[in-house]
Amino acid sequence: MSLSKTALGIVALALLAAPAVFSASPAAATSANSFPTSGIESGPLPDWKVFGFDLSTVPDDTASLAAFKASLDPTTQLGIRNRCRQDIALNPFRYSPKVRDFCWAR
């Protein structure tokens, strides 16, 4: 069989198969991409999950938050700075207003 007849046969086969491919229902297409959302948390993360300690005992003013942050050891302060720069600055509404204030308190 010549090359042009082979190419013509492949094109004809593709044209015959195309209606079967494009006739799939939209429901079938979306069910393949669906995933459970039960593991996705809604709303801000609880304060104790963000840094590993609870901020509820610290008053909600900037000076108290800054004083509490300054009382922590330097390694923890570095971890807080990194978390604030990487996670909280990029997605601030995933965190409570108190966590955001804690990050930017000086």
PDB file of N, CA and C in Angstrom:
ATOM      1  N   MET A   1       0.837  -1.161   0.000  1.00  0.00           N
ATOM      2  CA  MET A   1       0.000   0.000   0.000  1.00  0.00           C
ATOM      3  C   MET A   1       0.891   1.236   0.000  1.00  0.00           C
ATOM      4  N   SER A   2       0.491   2.210  -0.776  1.00  0.00           N
ATOM      5  CA  SER A   2       1.321   3.406  -0.864  1.00  0.00           C
ATOM      6  C   SER A   2       1.112   4.301   0.360  1.00  0.00           C
ATOM      7  N   LEU A   3       2.042   5.217   0.530  1.00  0.00           N
ATOM      8  CA  LEU A   3       2.012   6.111   1.679  1.00  0.00           C
ATOM      9  C   LEU A   3       0.780   7.016   1.649  1.00  0.00           C
ATOM     10  N   SER A   4       0.377   7.475   0.484  1.00  0.00           N
ATOM     11  CA  SER A   4      -0.784   8.369   0.396  1.00  0.00           C
ATOM     12  C   SER A   4      -2.069   7.619   0.736  1.00  0.00           C
ATOM     13  N   LYS A   5      -2.168   6.344   0.356  1.00  0.00           N
ATOM     14  CA  LYS A   5      -3.361   5.569   0.702  1.00  0.00           C
ATOM     15  C   LYS A   5      -3.403   5.297   2.202  1.00  0.00           C
ATOM     16  N   THR A   6      -2.244   5.080   2.809  1.00  0.00           N
ATOM     17  CA  THR A   6      -2.197   4.855   4.251  1.00  0.00           C
ATOM     18  C   THR A   6      -2.611   6.119   4.996  1.00  0.00           C
ATOM     19  N   ALA A   7      -2.107   7.259   4.558  1.00  0.00           N
ATOM     20  CA  ALA A   7      -2.464   8.522   5.193  1.00  0.00           C
ATOM     21  C   ALA A   7      -3.951   8.811   5.014  1.00  0.00           C
ATOM     22  N   LEU A   8      -4.478   8.523   3.835  1.00  0.00           N
ATOM     23  CA  LEU A   8      -5.895   8.734   3.565  1.00  0.00           C
ATOM     24  C   LEU A   8      -6.746   7.828   4.457  1.00  0.00           C
ATOM     25  N   GLY A   9      -6.295   6.611   4.672  1.00  0.00           N
ATOM     26  CA  GLY A   9      -7.016   5.683   5.543  1.00  0.00           C
ATOM     27  C   GLY A   9      -7.017   6.148   6.990  1.00  0.00           C
ATOM     28  N   ILE A  10      -5.899   6.686   7.449  1.00  0.00           N
ATOM     29  CA  ILE A  10      -5.810   7.185   8.832  1.00  0.00           C
ATOM     30  C   ILE A  10      -6.725   8.382   9.020  1.00  0.00           C
ATOM     31  N   VAL A  11      -6.771   9.280   8.035  1.00  0.00           N
ATOM     32  CA  VAL A  11      -7.643  10.443   8.107  1.00  0.00           C
ATOM     33  C   VAL A  11      -9.103  10.009   8.114  1.00  0.00           C
ATOM     34  N   ALA A  12      -9.460   9.057   7.283  1.00  0.00           N
ATOM     35  CA  ALA A  12     -10.839   8.561   7.236  1.00  0.00           C
ATOM     36  C   ALA A  12     -11.220   7.908   8.554  1.00  0.00           C
ATOM     37  N   LEU A  13     -10.329   7.149   9.132  1.00  0.00           N
ATOM     38  CA  LEU A  13     -10.594   6.517  10.418  1.00  0.00           C
ATOM     39  C   LEU A  13     -10.773   7.566  11.517  1.00  0.00           C
ATOM     40  N   ALA A  14      -9.972   8.617  11.482  1.00  0.00           N
ATOM     41  CA  ALA A  14     -10.087   9.687  12.469  1.00  0.00           C
ATOM     42  C   ALA A  14     -11.424  10.408  12.326  1.00  0.00           C
ATOM     43  N   LEU A  15     -11.867  10.622  11.086  1.00  0.00           N
ATOM     44  CA  LEU A  15     -13.147  11.282  10.869  1.00  0.00           C
ATOM     45  C   LEU A  15     -14.308  10.410  11.325  1.00  0.00           C
ATOM     46  N   LEU A  16     -14.183   9.120  11.200  1.00  0.00           N
ATOM     47  CA  LEU A  16     -15.238   8.217  11.653  1.00  0.00           C
ATOM     48  C   LEU A  16     -15.281   8.137  13.188  1.00  0.00           C
ATOM     49  N   ALA A  17     -14.141   8.232  13.821  1.00  0.00           N
ATOM     50  CA  ALA A  17     -14.080   8.117  15.272  1.00  0.00           C
ATOM     51  C   ALA A  17     -14.403   9.433  15.977  1.00  0.00           C
ATOM     52  N   ALA A  18     -14.288  10.551  15.287  1.00  0.00           N
ATOM     53  CA  ALA A  18     -14.496  11.857  15.909  1.00  0.00           C
ATOM     54  C   ALA A  18     -15.886  12.020  16.523  1.00  0.00           C
ATOM     55  N   PRO A  19     -16.982  11.634  15.855  1.00  0.00           N
ATOM     56  CA  PRO A  19     -18.291  11.804  16.500  1.00  0.00           C
ATOM     57  C   PRO A  19     -18.421  11.034  17.820  1.00  0.00           C
ATOM     58  N   ALA A  20     -17.796   9.889  17.920  1.00  0.00           N
ATOM     59  CA  ALA A  20     -17.871   9.123  19.166  1.00  0.00           C
ATOM     60  C   ALA A  20     -17.125   9.832  20.293  1.00  0.00           C
ATOM     61  N   VAL A  21     -16.020  10.481  19.971  1.00  0.00           N
ATOM     62  CA  VAL A  21     -15.237  11.186  20.976  1.00  0.00           C
ATOM     63  C   VAL A  21     -15.956  12.447  21.446  1.00  0.00           C
ATOM     64  N   PHE A  22     -16.520  13.204  20.505  1.00  0.00           N
ATOM     65  CA  PHE A  22     -17.145  14.473  20.847  1.00  0.00           C
ATOM     66  C   PHE A  22     -18.584  14.334  21.328  1.00  0.00           C
ATOM     67  N   SER A  23     -19.153  13.137  21.254  1.00  0.00           N
ATOM     68  CA  SER A  23     -20.530  12.967  21.700  1.00  0.00           C
ATOM     69  C   SER A  23     -20.631  12.622  23.179  1.00  0.00           C
ATOM     70  N   ALA A  24     -19.516  12.563  23.870  1.00  0.00           N
ATOM     71  CA  ALA A  24     -19.557  12.278  25.304  1.00  0.00           C
ATOM     72  C   ALA A  24     -20.321  13.392  26.011  1.00  0.00           C
ATOM     73  N   SER A  25     -21.126  13.015  26.971  1.00  0.00           N
ATOM     74  CA  SER A  25     -21.952  14.005  27.661  1.00  0.00           C
ATOM     75  C   SER A  25     -21.088  14.897  28.552  1.00  0.00           C
ATOM     76  N   PRO A  26     -21.504  16.145  28.776  1.00  0.00           N
ATOM     77  CA  PRO A  26     -20.749  17.025  29.672  1.00  0.00           C
ATOM     78  C   PRO A  26     -20.682  16.475  31.093  1.00  0.00           C
ATOM     79  N   ALA A  27     -21.706  15.746  31.511  1.00  0.00           N
ATOM     80  CA  ALA A  27     -21.692  15.169  32.860  1.00  0.00           C
ATOM     81  C   ALA A  27     -20.561  14.167  33.000  1.00  0.00           C
ATOM     82  N   ALA A  28     -20.304  13.410  31.946  1.00  0.00           N
ATOM     83  CA  ALA A  28     -19.206  12.446  32.007  1.00  0.00           C
ATOM     84  C   ALA A  28     -17.865  13.162  32.104  1.00  0.00           C
ATOM     85  N   ALA A  29     -17.760  14.284  31.424  1.00  0.00           N
ATOM     86  CA  ALA A  29     -16.503  15.035  31.469  1.00  0.00           C
ATOM     87  C   ALA A  29     -16.276  15.657  32.844  1.00  0.00           C
ATOM     88  N   THR A  30     -17.323  16.162  33.483  1.00  0.00           N
ATOM     89  CA  THR A  30     -17.134  16.783  34.784  1.00  0.00           C
ATOM     90  C   THR A  30     -16.950  15.753  35.882  1.00  0.00           C
ATOM     91  N   SER A  31     -17.545  14.579  35.733  1.00  0.00           N
ATOM     92  CA  SER A  31     -17.388  13.578  36.787  1.00  0.00           C
ATOM     93  C   SER A  31     -15.963  13.052  36.838  1.00  0.00           C
ATOM     94  N   ALA A  32     -15.273  13.094  35.712  1.00  0.00           N
ATOM     95  CA  ALA A  32     -13.877  12.655  35.709  1.00  0.00           C
ATOM     96  C   ALA A  32     -12.996  13.639  36.462  1.00  0.00           C
ATOM     97  N   ASN A  33     -13.396  14.909  36.500  1.00  0.00           N
ATOM     98  CA  ASN A  33     -12.606  15.934  37.168  1.00  0.00           C
ATOM     99  C   ASN A  33     -13.129  16.281  38.551  1.00  0.00           C
ATOM    100  N   SER A  34     -14.176  15.622  38.988  1.00  0.00           N
ATOM    101  CA  SER A  34     -14.722  15.971  40.303  1.00  0.00           C
ATOM    102  C   SER A  34     -13.856  15.377  41.405  1.00  0.00           C
ATOM    103  N   PHE A  35     -13.863  16.035  42.542  1.00  0.00           N
ATOM    104  CA  PHE A  35     -13.104  15.561  43.687  1.00  0.00           C
ATOM    105  C   PHE A  35     -13.869  15.942  44.937  1.00  0.00           C
ATOM    106  N   PRO A  36     -13.698  15.196  46.007  1.00  0.00           N
ATOM    107  CA  PRO A  36     -14.436  15.523  47.223  1.00  0.00           C
ATOM    108  C   PRO A  36     -13.916  16.811  47.853  1.00  0.00           C
ATOM    109  N   THR A  37     -14.816  17.610  48.357  1.00  0.00           N
ATOM    110  CA  THR A  37     -14.430  18.868  48.986  1.00  0.00           C
ATOM    111  C   THR A  37     -14.586  18.816  50.496  1.00  0.00           C
ATOM    112  N   SER A  38     -14.866  17.650  51.029  1.00  0.00           N
ATOM    113  CA  SER A  38     -15.098  17.565  52.469  1.00  0.00           C
ATOM    114  C   SER A  38     -13.835  17.855  53.272  1.00  0.00           C
ATOM    115  N   GLY A  39     -12.648  17.682  52.683  1.00  0.00           N
ATOM    116  CA  GLY A  39     -11.411  17.935  53.393  1.00  0.00           C
ATOM    117  C   GLY A  39     -10.969  19.385  53.345  1.00  0.00           C
ATOM    118  N   ILE A  40     -11.643  20.206  52.546  1.00  0.00           N
ATOM    119  CA  ILE A  40     -11.265  21.606  52.411  1.00  0.00           C
ATOM    120  C   ILE A  40     -11.943  22.398  53.523  1.00  0.00           C
ATOM    121  N   GLU A  41     -11.150  23.115  54.285  1.00  0.00           N
ATOM    122  CA  GLU A  41     -11.695  23.899  55.385  1.00  0.00           C
ATOM    123  C   GLU A  41     -12.239  25.214  54.849  1.00  0.00           C
ATOM    124  N   SER A  42     -13.346  25.629  55.410  1.00  0.00           N
ATOM    125  CA  SER A  42     -13.876  26.931  55.025  1.00  0.00           C
ATOM    126  C   SER A  42     -13.641  27.912  56.160  1.00  0.00           C
ATOM    127  N   GLY A  43     -13.451  29.152  55.804  1.00  0.00           N
ATOM    128  CA  GLY A  43     -13.186  30.166  56.808  1.00  0.00           C
ATOM    129  C   GLY A  43     -11.731  30.178  57.228  1.00  0.00           C
ATOM    130  N   PRO A  44     -11.391  31.098  58.126  1.00  0.00           N
ATOM    131  CA  PRO A  44      -9.987  31.187  58.553  1.00  0.00           C
ATOM    132  C   PRO A  44      -9.575  30.011  59.424  1.00  0.00           C
ATOM    133  N   LEU A  45      -8.291  29.708  59.369  1.00  0.00           N
ATOM    134  CA  LEU A  45      -7.748  28.657  60.227  1.00  0.00           C
ATOM    135  C   LEU A  45      -7.815  29.105  61.681  1.00  0.00           C
ATOM    136  N   PRO A  46      -8.032  28.185  62.606  1.00  0.00           N
ATOM    137  CA  PRO A  46      -7.970  28.565  64.018  1.00  0.00           C
ATOM    138  C   PRO A  46      -6.564  29.081  64.356  1.00  0.00           C
ATOM    139  N   ASP A  47      -6.499  30.036  65.268  1.00  0.00           N
ATOM    140  CA  ASP A  47      -5.223  30.672  65.611  1.00  0.00           C
ATOM    141  C   ASP A  47      -4.166  29.663  66.049  1.00  0.00           C
ATOM    142  N   TRP A  48      -4.556  28.655  66.808  1.00  0.00           N
ATOM    143  CA  TRP A  48      -3.567  27.711  67.335  1.00  0.00           C
ATOM    144  C   TRP A  48      -2.975  26.818  66.252  1.00  0.00           C
ATOM    145  N   LYS A  49      -3.657  26.688  65.102  1.00  0.00           N
ATOM    146  CA  LYS A  49      -3.117  25.858  64.015  1.00  0.00           C
ATOM    147  C   LYS A  49      -2.064  26.590  63.187  1.00  0.00           C
ATOM    148  N   VAL A  50      -2.040  27.896  63.254  1.00  0.00           N
ATOM    149  CA  VAL A  50      -1.152  28.675  62.392  1.00  0.00           C
ATOM    150  C   VAL A  50       0.297  28.574  62.860  1.00  0.00           C
ATOM    151  N   PHE A  51       0.533  28.866  64.117  1.00  0.00           N
ATOM    152  CA  PHE A  51       1.903  28.875  64.642  1.00  0.00           C
ATOM    153  C   PHE A  51       2.184  27.759  65.630  1.00  0.00           C
ATOM    154  N   GLY A  52       1.156  27.062  66.083  1.00  0.00           N
ATOM    155  CA  GLY A  52       1.345  25.993  67.054  1.00  0.00           C
ATOM    156  C   GLY A  52       1.117  26.447  68.482  1.00  0.00           C
ATOM    157  N   PHE A  53       0.724  27.697  68.678  1.00  0.00           N
ATOM    158  CA  PHE A  53       0.371  28.195  70.011  1.00  0.00           C
ATOM    159  C   PHE A  53      -0.860  29.084  69.865  1.00  0.00           C
ATOM    160  N   ASP A  54      -1.543  29.234  70.979  1.00  0.00           N
ATOM    161  CA  ASP A  54      -2.808  29.963  70.976  1.00  0.00           C
ATOM    162  C   ASP A  54      -2.590  31.448  71.253  1.00  0.00           C
ATOM    163  N   LEU A  55      -3.220  32.282  70.464  1.00  0.00           N
ATOM    164  CA  LEU A  55      -3.124  33.730  70.648  1.00  0.00           C
ATOM    165  C   LEU A  55      -4.308  34.297  71.425  1.00  0.00           C
ATOM    166  N   SER A  56      -5.223  33.442  71.878  1.00  0.00           N
ATOM    167  CA  SER A  56      -6.439  33.944  72.518  1.00  0.00           C
ATOM    168  C   SER A  56      -6.159  34.642  73.850  1.00  0.00           C
ATOM    169  N   THR A  57      -5.059  34.303  74.514  1.00  0.00           N
ATOM    170  CA  THR A  57      -4.748  34.936  75.795  1.00  0.00           C
ATOM    171  C   THR A  57      -4.084  36.301  75.630  1.00  0.00           C
ATOM    172  N   VAL A  58      -3.623  36.590  74.426  1.00  0.00           N
ATOM    173  CA  VAL A  58      -2.949  37.866  74.157  1.00  0.00           C
ATOM    174  C   VAL A  58      -4.011  38.900  73.775  1.00  0.00           C
ATOM    175  N   PRO A  59      -3.994  40.083  74.400  1.00  0.00           N
ATOM    176  CA  PRO A  59      -4.946  41.127  74.002  1.00  0.00           C
ATOM    177  C   PRO A  59      -4.788  41.475  72.519  1.00  0.00           C
ATOM    178  N   ASP A  60      -5.864  41.975  71.958  1.00  0.00           N
ATOM    179  CA  ASP A  60      -5.917  42.177  70.506  1.00  0.00           C
ATOM    180  C   ASP A  60      -5.363  43.515  70.035  1.00  0.00           C
ATOM    181  N   ASP A  61      -4.583  44.192  70.839  1.00  0.00           N
ATOM    182  CA  ASP A  61      -3.994  45.455  70.381  1.00  0.00           C
ATOM    183  C   ASP A  61      -2.563  45.206  69.881  1.00  0.00           C
ATOM    184  N   THR A  62      -2.087  46.074  69.035  1.00  0.00           N
ATOM    185  CA  THR A  62      -0.793  45.906  68.374  1.00  0.00           C
ATOM    186  C   THR A  62       0.364  45.844  69.358  1.00  0.00           C
ATOM    187  N   ALA A  63       0.336  46.667  70.384  1.00  0.00           N
ATOM    188  CA  ALA A  63       1.444  46.689  71.352  1.00  0.00           C
ATOM    189  C   ALA A  63       1.550  45.365  72.104  1.00  0.00           C
ATOM    190  N   SER A  64       0.427  44.801  72.501  1.00  0.00           N
ATOM    191  CA  SER A  64       0.446  43.514  73.218  1.00  0.00           C
ATOM    192  C   SER A  64       0.911  42.384  72.311  1.00  0.00           C
ATOM    193  N   LEU A  65       0.454  42.397  71.079  1.00  0.00           N
ATOM    194  CA  LEU A  65       0.884  41.361  70.135  1.00  0.00           C
ATOM    195  C   LEU A  65       2.381  41.469  69.872  1.00  0.00           C
ATOM    196  N   ALA A  66       2.895  42.687  69.721  1.00  0.00           N
ATOM    197  CA  ALA A  66       4.330  42.889  69.489  1.00  0.00           C
ATOM    198  C   ALA A  66       5.143  42.471  70.705  1.00  0.00           C
ATOM    199  N   ALA A  67       4.649  42.764  71.900  1.00  0.00           N
ATOM    200  CA  ALA A  67       5.360  42.377  73.122  1.00  0.00           C
ATOM    201  C   ALA A  67       5.394  40.858  73.281  1.00  0.00           C
ATOM    202  N   PHE A  68       4.277  40.204  72.955  1.00  0.00           N
ATOM    203  CA  PHE A  68       4.242  38.751  73.038  1.00  0.00           C
ATOM    204  C   PHE A  68       5.221  38.133  72.040  1.00  0.00           C
ATOM    205  N   LYS A  69       5.249  38.670  70.831  1.00  0.00           N
ATOM    206  CA  LYS A  69       6.174  38.156  69.808  1.00  0.00           C
ATOM    207  C   LYS A  69       7.618  38.362  70.248  1.00  0.00           C
ATOM    208  N   ALA A  70       7.927  39.492  70.861  1.00  0.00           N
ATOM    209  CA  ALA A  70       9.292  39.785  71.311  1.00  0.00           C
ATOM    210  C   ALA A  70       9.706  38.880  72.472  1.00  0.00           C
ATOM    211  N   SER A  71       8.734  38.357  73.207  1.00  0.00           N
ATOM    212  CA  SER A  71       9.059  37.488  74.351  1.00  0.00           C
ATOM    213  C   SER A  71       9.413  36.066  73.924  1.00  0.00           C
ATOM    214  N   LEU A  72       9.178  35.727  72.682  1.00  0.00           N
ATOM    215  CA  LEU A  72       9.475  34.373  72.190  1.00  0.00           C
ATOM    216  C   LEU A  72      10.960  34.250  71.858  1.00  0.00           C
ATOM    217  N   ASP A  73      11.457  33.012  71.830  1.00  0.00           N
ATOM    218  CA  ASP A  73      12.878  32.820  71.531  1.00  0.00           C
ATOM    219  C   ASP A  73      13.161  33.181  70.067  1.00  0.00           C
ATOM    220  N   PRO A  74      14.411  33.512  69.743  1.00  0.00           N
ATOM    221  CA  PRO A  74      14.754  33.983  68.393  1.00  0.00           C
ATOM    222  C   PRO A  74      14.427  32.985  67.280  1.00  0.00           C
ATOM    223  N   THR A  75      14.562  31.700  67.546  1.00  0.00           N
ATOM    224  CA  THR A  75      14.244  30.697  66.517  1.00  0.00           C
ATOM    225  C   THR A  75      12.757  30.718  66.194  1.00  0.00           C
ATOM    226  N   THR A  76      11.930  30.828  67.215  1.00  0.00           N
ATOM    227  CA  THR A  76      10.483  30.900  67.002  1.00  0.00           C
ATOM    228  C   THR A  76      10.118  32.192  66.281  1.00  0.00           C
ATOM    229  N   GLN A  77      10.767  33.288  66.630  1.00  0.00           N
ATOM    230  CA  GLN A  77      10.509  34.552  65.944  1.00  0.00           C
ATOM    231  C   GLN A  77      10.849  34.457  64.460  1.00  0.00           C
ATOM    232  N   LEU A  78      11.945  33.782  64.147  1.00  0.00           N
ATOM    233  CA  LEU A  78      12.325  33.595  62.742  1.00  0.00           C
ATOM    234  C   LEU A  78      11.286  32.757  62.016  1.00  0.00           C
ATOM    235  N   GLY A  79      10.808  31.710  62.665  1.00  0.00           N
ATOM    236  CA  GLY A  79       9.761  30.877  62.069  1.00  0.00           C
ATOM    237  C   GLY A  79       8.481  31.662  61.828  1.00  0.00           C
ATOM    238  N   ILE A  80       8.137  32.528  62.770  1.00  0.00           N
ATOM    239  CA  ILE A  80       6.949  33.371  62.617  1.00  0.00           C
ATOM    240  C   ILE A  80       7.126  34.326  61.441  1.00  0.00           C
ATOM    241  N   ARG A  81       8.300  34.954  61.361  1.00  0.00           N
ATOM    242  CA  ARG A  81       8.564  35.881  60.243  1.00  0.00           C
ATOM    243  C   ARG A  81       8.455  35.166  58.902  1.00  0.00           C
ATOM    244  N   ASN A  82       9.037  33.978  58.820  1.00  0.00           N
ATOM    245  CA  ASN A  82       8.986  33.225  57.561  1.00  0.00           C
ATOM    246  C   ASN A  82       7.560  32.829  57.216  1.00  0.00           C
ATOM    247  N   ARG A  83       6.813  32.350  58.198  1.00  0.00           N
ATOM    248  CA  ARG A  83       5.428  31.955  57.946  1.00  0.00           C
ATOM    249  C   ARG A  83       4.604  33.155  57.510  1.00  0.00           C
ATOM    250  N   CYS A  84       4.817  34.291  58.154  1.00  0.00           N
ATOM    251  CA  CYS A  84       4.071  35.494  57.790  1.00  0.00           C
ATOM    252  C   CYS A  84       4.396  35.948  56.369  1.00  0.00           C
ATOM    253  N   ARG A  85       5.673  35.898  56.004  1.00  0.00           N
ATOM    254  CA  ARG A  85       6.080  36.340  54.660  1.00  0.00           C
ATOM    255  C   ARG A  85       5.620  35.377  53.581  1.00  0.00           C
ATOM    256  N   GLN A  86       5.683  34.093  53.849  1.00  0.00           N
ATOM    257  CA  GLN A  86       5.398  33.111  52.807  1.00  0.00           C
ATOM    258  C   GLN A  86       3.922  32.768  52.699  1.00  0.00           C
ATOM    259  N   ASP A  87       3.274  32.486  53.805  1.00  0.00           N
ATOM    260  CA  ASP A  87       1.893  32.008  53.744  1.00  0.00           C
ATOM    261  C   ASP A  87       0.877  33.123  53.936  1.00  0.00           C
ATOM    262  N   ILE A  88       1.043  33.875  54.989  1.00  0.00           N
ATOM    263  CA  ILE A  88       0.011  34.821  55.380  1.00  0.00           C
ATOM    264  C   ILE A  88      -0.012  36.032  54.449  1.00  0.00           C
ATOM    265  N   ALA A  89       1.127  36.454  53.959  1.00  0.00           N
ATOM    266  CA  ALA A  89       1.148  37.576  53.014  1.00  0.00           C
ATOM    267  C   ALA A  89       0.543  37.183  51.669  1.00  0.00           C
ATOM    268  N   LEU A  90       0.693  35.921  51.276  1.00  0.00           N
ATOM    269  CA  LEU A  90       0.172  35.480  49.982  1.00  0.00           C
ATOM    270  C   LEU A  90      -1.322  35.167  50.017  1.00  0.00           C
ATOM    271  N   ASN A  91      -1.824  34.712  51.152  1.00  0.00           N
ATOM    272  CA  ASN A  91      -3.231  34.351  51.260  1.00  0.00           C
ATOM    273  C   ASN A  91      -3.775  34.845  52.601  1.00  0.00           C
ATOM    274  N   PRO A  92      -3.891  36.156  52.784  1.00  0.00           N
ATOM    275  CA  PRO A  92      -4.213  36.698  54.103  1.00  0.00           C
ATOM    276  C   PRO A  92      -5.595  36.329  54.631  1.00  0.00           C
ATOM    277  N   PHE A  93      -6.553  36.109  53.766  1.00  0.00           N
ATOM    278  CA  PHE A  93      -7.914  35.859  54.238  1.00  0.00           C
ATOM    279  C   PHE A  93      -8.139  34.419  54.681  1.00  0.00           C
ATOM    280  N   ARG A  94      -7.118  33.610  54.596  1.00  0.00           N
ATOM    281  CA  ARG A  94      -7.186  32.256  55.135  1.00  0.00           C
ATOM    282  C   ARG A  94      -6.948  32.287  56.648  1.00  0.00           C
ATOM    283  N   TYR A  95      -6.487  33.414  57.148  1.00  0.00           N
ATOM    284  CA  TYR A  95      -6.117  33.561  58.552  1.00  0.00           C
ATOM    285  C   TYR A  95      -6.985  34.619  59.219  1.00  0.00           C
ATOM    286  N   SER A  96      -7.105  34.520  60.520  1.00  0.00           N
ATOM    287  CA  SER A  96      -7.953  35.457  61.263  1.00  0.00           C
ATOM    288  C   SER A  96      -7.305  36.844  61.308  1.00  0.00           C
ATOM    289  N   PRO A  97      -8.098  37.872  61.577  1.00  0.00           N
ATOM    290  CA  PRO A  97      -7.525  39.220  61.706  1.00  0.00           C
ATOM    291  C   PRO A  97      -6.474  39.295  62.813  1.00  0.00           C
ATOM    292  N   LYS A  98      -6.650  38.526  63.873  1.00  0.00           N
ATOM    293  CA  LYS A  98      -5.669  38.562  64.962  1.00  0.00           C
ATOM    294  C   LYS A  98      -4.329  37.999  64.505  1.00  0.00           C
ATOM    295  N   VAL A  99      -4.347  36.932  63.712  1.00  0.00           N
ATOM    296  CA  VAL A  99      -3.098  36.362  63.189  1.00  0.00           C
ATOM    297  C   VAL A  99      -2.432  37.357  62.251  1.00  0.00           C
ATOM    298  N   ARG A 100      -3.201  38.018  61.424  1.00  0.00           N
ATOM    299  CA  ARG A 100      -2.626  39.028  60.520  1.00  0.00           C
ATOM    300  C   ARG A 100      -2.020  40.180  61.312  1.00  0.00           C
ATOM    301  N   ASP A 101      -2.718  40.635  62.348  1.00  0.00           N
ATOM    302  CA  ASP A 101      -2.180  41.711  63.193  1.00  0.00           C
ATOM    303  C   ASP A 101      -0.908  41.244  63.909  1.00  0.00           C
ATOM    304  N   PHE A 102      -0.907  39.994  64.348  1.00  0.00           N
ATOM    305  CA  PHE A 102       0.271  39.441  65.032  1.00  0.00           C
ATOM    306  C   PHE A 102       1.468  39.429  64.089  1.00  0.00           C
ATOM    307  N   CYS A 103       1.239  39.088  62.851  1.00  0.00           N
ATOM    308  CA  CYS A 103       2.343  39.049  61.877  1.00  0.00           C
ATOM    309  C   CYS A 103       2.956  40.424  61.681  1.00  0.00           C
ATOM    310  N   TRP A 104       2.151  41.434  61.587  1.00  0.00           N
ATOM    311  CA  TRP A 104       2.685  42.746  61.227  1.00  0.00           C
ATOM    312  C   TRP A 104       2.952  43.644  62.433  1.00  0.00           C
ATOM    313  N   ALA A 105       2.677  43.130  63.645  1.00  0.00           N
ATOM    314  CA  ALA A 105       2.950  43.922  64.858  1.00  0.00           C
ATOM    315  C   ALA A 105       4.448  44.024  65.081  1.00  0.00           C
ATOM    316  N   ARG A 106       4.919  45.246  65.412  1.00  0.00           N
ATOM    317  CA  ARG A 106       6.356  45.461  65.675  1.00  0.00           C
ATOM    318  C   ARG A 106       6.522  46.182  66.965  1.00  0.00           C
TER     319      ARG A 106
END
